[in-house]
Amino acid sequence: MHEEQSPKEYVFEKIKVDDIKGDFLIEYKKTSSNLEGTKMQVLYYLEYFHDKGIPLKAKIIDLTYKKEYVVEWSETTKEELEQLKENVKITLQETIPERKKLKRECKGCSFKDYCWSK
């Protein structure tokens, strides 16, 4: 859980939820810079609860800019999540390229973890 808020963290089998208030699952984020990724995260949580017969909605709360984004489980969002899951499965089946060896000058480079130089 993030340090900026005081709510509890709830653990349900394979997921951890920052908070639940009423019929809203709450996910706190320091910033909304990866809003699409966070949306998919909460959709995964909503699917889990929907499958258990608990119809929740979700709020993504951006702690830096004090913004709230509401995410609801629907046929459209279900299809988005299923497409993402399918894309992940395809990616995991692909061949992983061989990691290149880093040069001496790479040691201090901030891009060394992303580099494919020889």
C-alpha atoms as a PDB file:
ATOM      1  CA  MET A   1       0.000   0.000   0.000  1.00  0.00           C
ATOM      2  CA  HIS A   2       1.137   3.541  -0.592  1.00  0.00           C
ATOM      3  CA  GLU A   3       2.273   5.727   2.294  1.00  0.00           C
ATOM      4  CA  GLU A   4       0.127   8.754   1.459  1.00  0.00           C
ATOM      5  CA  GLN A   5      -3.197   7.280   2.568  1.00  0.00           C
ATOM      6  CA  SER A   6      -4.375   5.637   5.751  1.00  0.00           C
ATOM      7  CA  PRO A   7      -7.027   3.121   4.535  1.00  0.00           C
ATOM      8  CA  LYS A   8      -6.610  -0.592   5.005  1.00  0.00           C
ATOM      9  CA  GLU A   9      -5.313  -3.044   2.452  1.00  0.00           C
ATOM     10  CA  TYR A  10      -7.514  -6.039   1.747  1.00  0.00           C
ATOM     11  CA  VAL A  11      -6.187  -9.343   0.436  1.00  0.00           C
ATOM     12  CA  PHE A  12      -8.510 -11.665  -1.490  1.00  0.00           C
ATOM     13  CA  GLU A  13      -6.857 -14.891  -2.655  1.00  0.00           C
ATOM     14  CA  LYS A  14      -4.591 -13.591  -5.451  1.00  0.00           C
ATOM     15  CA  ILE A  15      -5.245  -9.845  -5.341  1.00  0.00           C
ATOM     16  CA  LYS A  16      -4.584  -6.950  -2.973  1.00  0.00           C
ATOM     17  CA  VAL A  17      -6.997  -4.039  -2.895  1.00  0.00           C
ATOM     18  CA  ASP A  18      -6.041  -0.683  -1.357  1.00  0.00           C
ATOM     19  CA  ASP A  19      -9.494  -0.042   0.082  1.00  0.00           C
ATOM     20  CA  ILE A  20     -13.211  -0.768  -0.292  1.00  0.00           C
ATOM     21  CA  LYS A  21     -15.782   1.891   0.580  1.00  0.00           C
ATOM     22  CA  GLY A  22     -19.424   1.052   0.048  1.00  0.00           C
ATOM     23  CA  ASP A  23     -19.761  -0.458  -3.408  1.00  0.00           C
ATOM     24  CA  PHE A  24     -16.458   1.043  -4.584  1.00  0.00           C
ATOM     25  CA  LEU A  25     -13.114  -0.657  -4.783  1.00  0.00           C
ATOM     26  CA  ILE A  26     -10.467   2.062  -4.284  1.00  0.00           C
ATOM     27  CA  GLU A  27      -7.031   2.042  -5.902  1.00  0.00           C
ATOM     28  CA  TYR A  28      -4.651   4.795  -4.783  1.00  0.00           C
ATOM     29  CA  LYS A  29      -1.872   5.948  -7.099  1.00  0.00           C
ATOM     30  CA  LYS A  30       0.795   8.589  -6.619  1.00  0.00           C
ATOM     31  CA  THR A  31       0.100   9.851 -10.124  1.00  0.00           C
ATOM     32  CA  SER A  32      -2.168   9.072 -13.061  1.00  0.00           C
ATOM     33  CA  SER A  33       0.733   8.883 -15.517  1.00  0.00           C
ATOM     34  CA  ASN A  34      -0.149   5.254 -16.349  1.00  0.00           C
ATOM     35  CA  LEU A  35      -3.905   5.569 -16.128  1.00  0.00           C
ATOM     36  CA  GLU A  36      -4.585   2.924 -18.787  1.00  0.00           C
ATOM     37  CA  GLY A  37      -2.461   0.350 -16.929  1.00  0.00           C
ATOM     38  CA  THR A  38      -4.173   1.163 -13.643  1.00  0.00           C
ATOM     39  CA  LYS A  39      -7.564   0.903 -15.350  1.00  0.00           C
ATOM     40  CA  MET A  40      -6.708  -2.609 -16.541  1.00  0.00           C
ATOM     41  CA  GLN A  41      -5.528  -3.491 -13.032  1.00  0.00           C
ATOM     42  CA  VAL A  42      -8.830  -2.457 -11.458  1.00  0.00           C
ATOM     43  CA  LEU A  43     -10.795  -4.137 -14.261  1.00  0.00           C
ATOM     44  CA  TYR A  44      -9.009  -7.363 -13.334  1.00  0.00           C
ATOM     45  CA  TYR A  45     -10.090  -6.810  -9.728  1.00  0.00           C
ATOM     46  CA  LEU A  46     -13.659  -6.003 -10.786  1.00  0.00           C
ATOM     47  CA  GLU A  47     -13.786  -9.182 -12.866  1.00  0.00           C
ATOM     48  CA  TYR A  48     -12.646 -11.173  -9.836  1.00  0.00           C
ATOM     49  CA  PHE A  49     -15.414  -9.726  -7.657  1.00  0.00           C
ATOM     50  CA  HIS A  50     -18.020  -9.965 -10.436  1.00  0.00           C
ATOM     51  CA  ASP A  51     -17.221 -13.674 -10.813  1.00  0.00           C
ATOM     52  CA  LYS A  52     -17.758 -14.048  -7.045  1.00  0.00           C
ATOM     53  CA  GLY A  53     -21.185 -12.377  -7.323  1.00  0.00           C
ATOM     54  CA  ILE A  54     -20.071  -9.050  -5.825  1.00  0.00           C
ATOM     55  CA  PRO A  55     -20.904  -6.205  -8.248  1.00  0.00           C
ATOM     56  CA  LEU A  56     -18.435  -3.450  -7.373  1.00  0.00           C
ATOM     57  CA  LYS A  57     -17.390  -0.292  -9.162  1.00  0.00           C
ATOM     58  CA  ALA A  58     -13.894   1.141  -8.844  1.00  0.00           C
ATOM     59  CA  LYS A  59     -12.279   4.497  -8.197  1.00  0.00           C
ATOM     60  CA  ILE A  60      -8.716   5.293  -9.118  1.00  0.00           C
ATOM     61  CA  ILE A  61      -7.541   8.114  -6.877  1.00  0.00           C
ATOM     62  CA  ASP A  62      -4.574  10.167  -8.056  1.00  0.00           C
ATOM     63  CA  LEU A  63      -2.949  11.409  -4.853  1.00  0.00           C
ATOM     64  CA  THR A  64      -0.703  13.974  -6.555  1.00  0.00           C
ATOM     65  CA  TYR A  65      -3.340  15.827  -8.571  1.00  0.00           C
ATOM     66  CA  LYS A  66      -6.303  14.950  -6.315  1.00  0.00           C
ATOM     67  CA  LYS A  67      -8.290  13.454  -9.205  1.00  0.00           C
ATOM     68  CA  GLU A  68     -10.696  10.532  -9.170  1.00  0.00           C
ATOM     69  CA  TYR A  69     -11.489   8.248 -12.089  1.00  0.00           C
ATOM     70  CA  VAL A  70     -14.473   5.898 -11.940  1.00  0.00           C
ATOM     71  CA  VAL A  71     -14.231   2.493 -13.649  1.00  0.00           C
ATOM     72  CA  GLU A  72     -17.267   0.248 -14.047  1.00  0.00           C
ATOM     73  CA  TRP A  73     -17.594  -3.381 -15.096  1.00  0.00           C
ATOM     74  CA  SER A  74     -19.522  -3.648 -18.365  1.00  0.00           C
ATOM     75  CA  GLU A  75     -19.524  -5.712 -21.559  1.00  0.00           C
ATOM     76  CA  THR A  76     -17.192  -3.155 -23.150  1.00  0.00           C
ATOM     77  CA  THR A  77     -14.684  -3.165 -20.303  1.00  0.00           C
ATOM     78  CA  LYS A  78     -14.925  -6.969 -20.099  1.00  0.00           C
ATOM     79  CA  GLU A  79     -13.972  -7.175 -23.787  1.00  0.00           C
ATOM     80  CA  GLU A  80     -11.062  -4.748 -23.231  1.00  0.00           C
ATOM     81  CA  LEU A  81      -9.726  -6.912 -20.410  1.00  0.00           C
ATOM     82  CA  GLU A  82     -10.156 -10.144 -22.393  1.00  0.00           C
ATOM     83  CA  GLN A  83      -8.256  -8.600 -25.330  1.00  0.00           C
ATOM     84  CA  LEU A  84      -5.429  -7.569 -23.009  1.00  0.00           C
ATOM     85  CA  LYS A  85      -5.257 -11.067 -21.513  1.00  0.00           C
ATOM     86  CA  GLU A  86      -5.098 -12.559 -25.003  1.00  0.00           C
ATOM     87  CA  ASN A  87      -2.303 -10.154 -25.991  1.00  0.00           C
ATOM     88  CA  VAL A  88      -0.346 -11.120 -22.872  1.00  0.00           C
ATOM     89  CA  LYS A  89      -0.704 -14.833 -23.704  1.00  0.00           C
ATOM     90  CA  ILE A  90       0.550 -14.219 -27.250  1.00  0.00           C
ATOM     91  CA  THR A  91       3.496 -12.163 -25.984  1.00  0.00           C
ATOM     92  CA  LEU A  92       4.471 -14.860 -23.483  1.00  0.00           C
ATOM     93  CA  GLN A  93       4.516 -17.476 -26.250  1.00  0.00           C
ATOM     94  CA  GLU A  94       6.921 -15.463 -28.408  1.00  0.00           C
ATOM     95  CA  THR A  95      10.652 -16.084 -28.404  1.00  0.00           C
ATOM     96  CA  ILE A  96      12.561 -13.826 -26.049  1.00  0.00           C
ATOM     97  CA  PRO A  97      15.546 -12.240 -27.827  1.00  0.00           C
ATOM     98  CA  GLU A  98      19.013 -12.960 -26.474  1.00  0.00           C
ATOM     99  CA  ARG A  99      20.283 -10.281 -24.112  1.00  0.00           C
ATOM    100  CA  LYS A 100      23.312  -8.437 -25.521  1.00  0.00           C
ATOM    101  CA  LYS A 101      26.429  -7.911 -23.452  1.00  0.00           C
ATOM    102  CA  LEU A 102      26.938  -4.423 -22.125  1.00  0.00           C
ATOM    103  CA  LYS A 103      30.140  -2.491 -22.805  1.00  0.00           C
ATOM    104  CA  ARG A 104      32.328  -0.817 -20.197  1.00  0.00           C
ATOM    105  CA  GLU A 105      30.869   2.600 -21.066  1.00  0.00           C
ATOM    106  CA  CYS A 106      27.373   1.261 -20.406  1.00  0.00           C
ATOM    107  CA  LYS A 107      28.017   1.018 -16.659  1.00  0.00           C
ATOM    108  CA  GLY A 108      26.901   4.582 -15.845  1.00  0.00           C
ATOM    109  CA  CYS A 109      24.250   4.904 -18.540  1.00  0.00           C
ATOM    110  CA  SER A 110      20.672   5.335 -17.332  1.00  0.00           C
ATOM    111  CA  PHE A 111      19.426   3.356 -20.359  1.00  0.00           C
ATOM    112  CA  LYS A 112      21.569   0.256 -19.723  1.00  0.00           C
ATOM    113  CA  ASP A 113      18.598  -1.867 -18.672  1.00  0.00           C
ATOM    114  CA  TYR A 114      16.826  -1.125 -21.947  1.00  0.00           C
ATOM    115  CA  CYS A 115      19.798  -1.294 -24.288  1.00  0.00           C
ATOM    116  CA  TRP A 116      20.417  -3.964 -26.897  1.00  0.00           C
ATOM    117  CA  SER A 117      23.896  -2.766 -27.955  1.00  0.00           C
ATOM    118  CA  LYS A 118      26.668  -5.238 -28.771  1.00  0.00           C
END
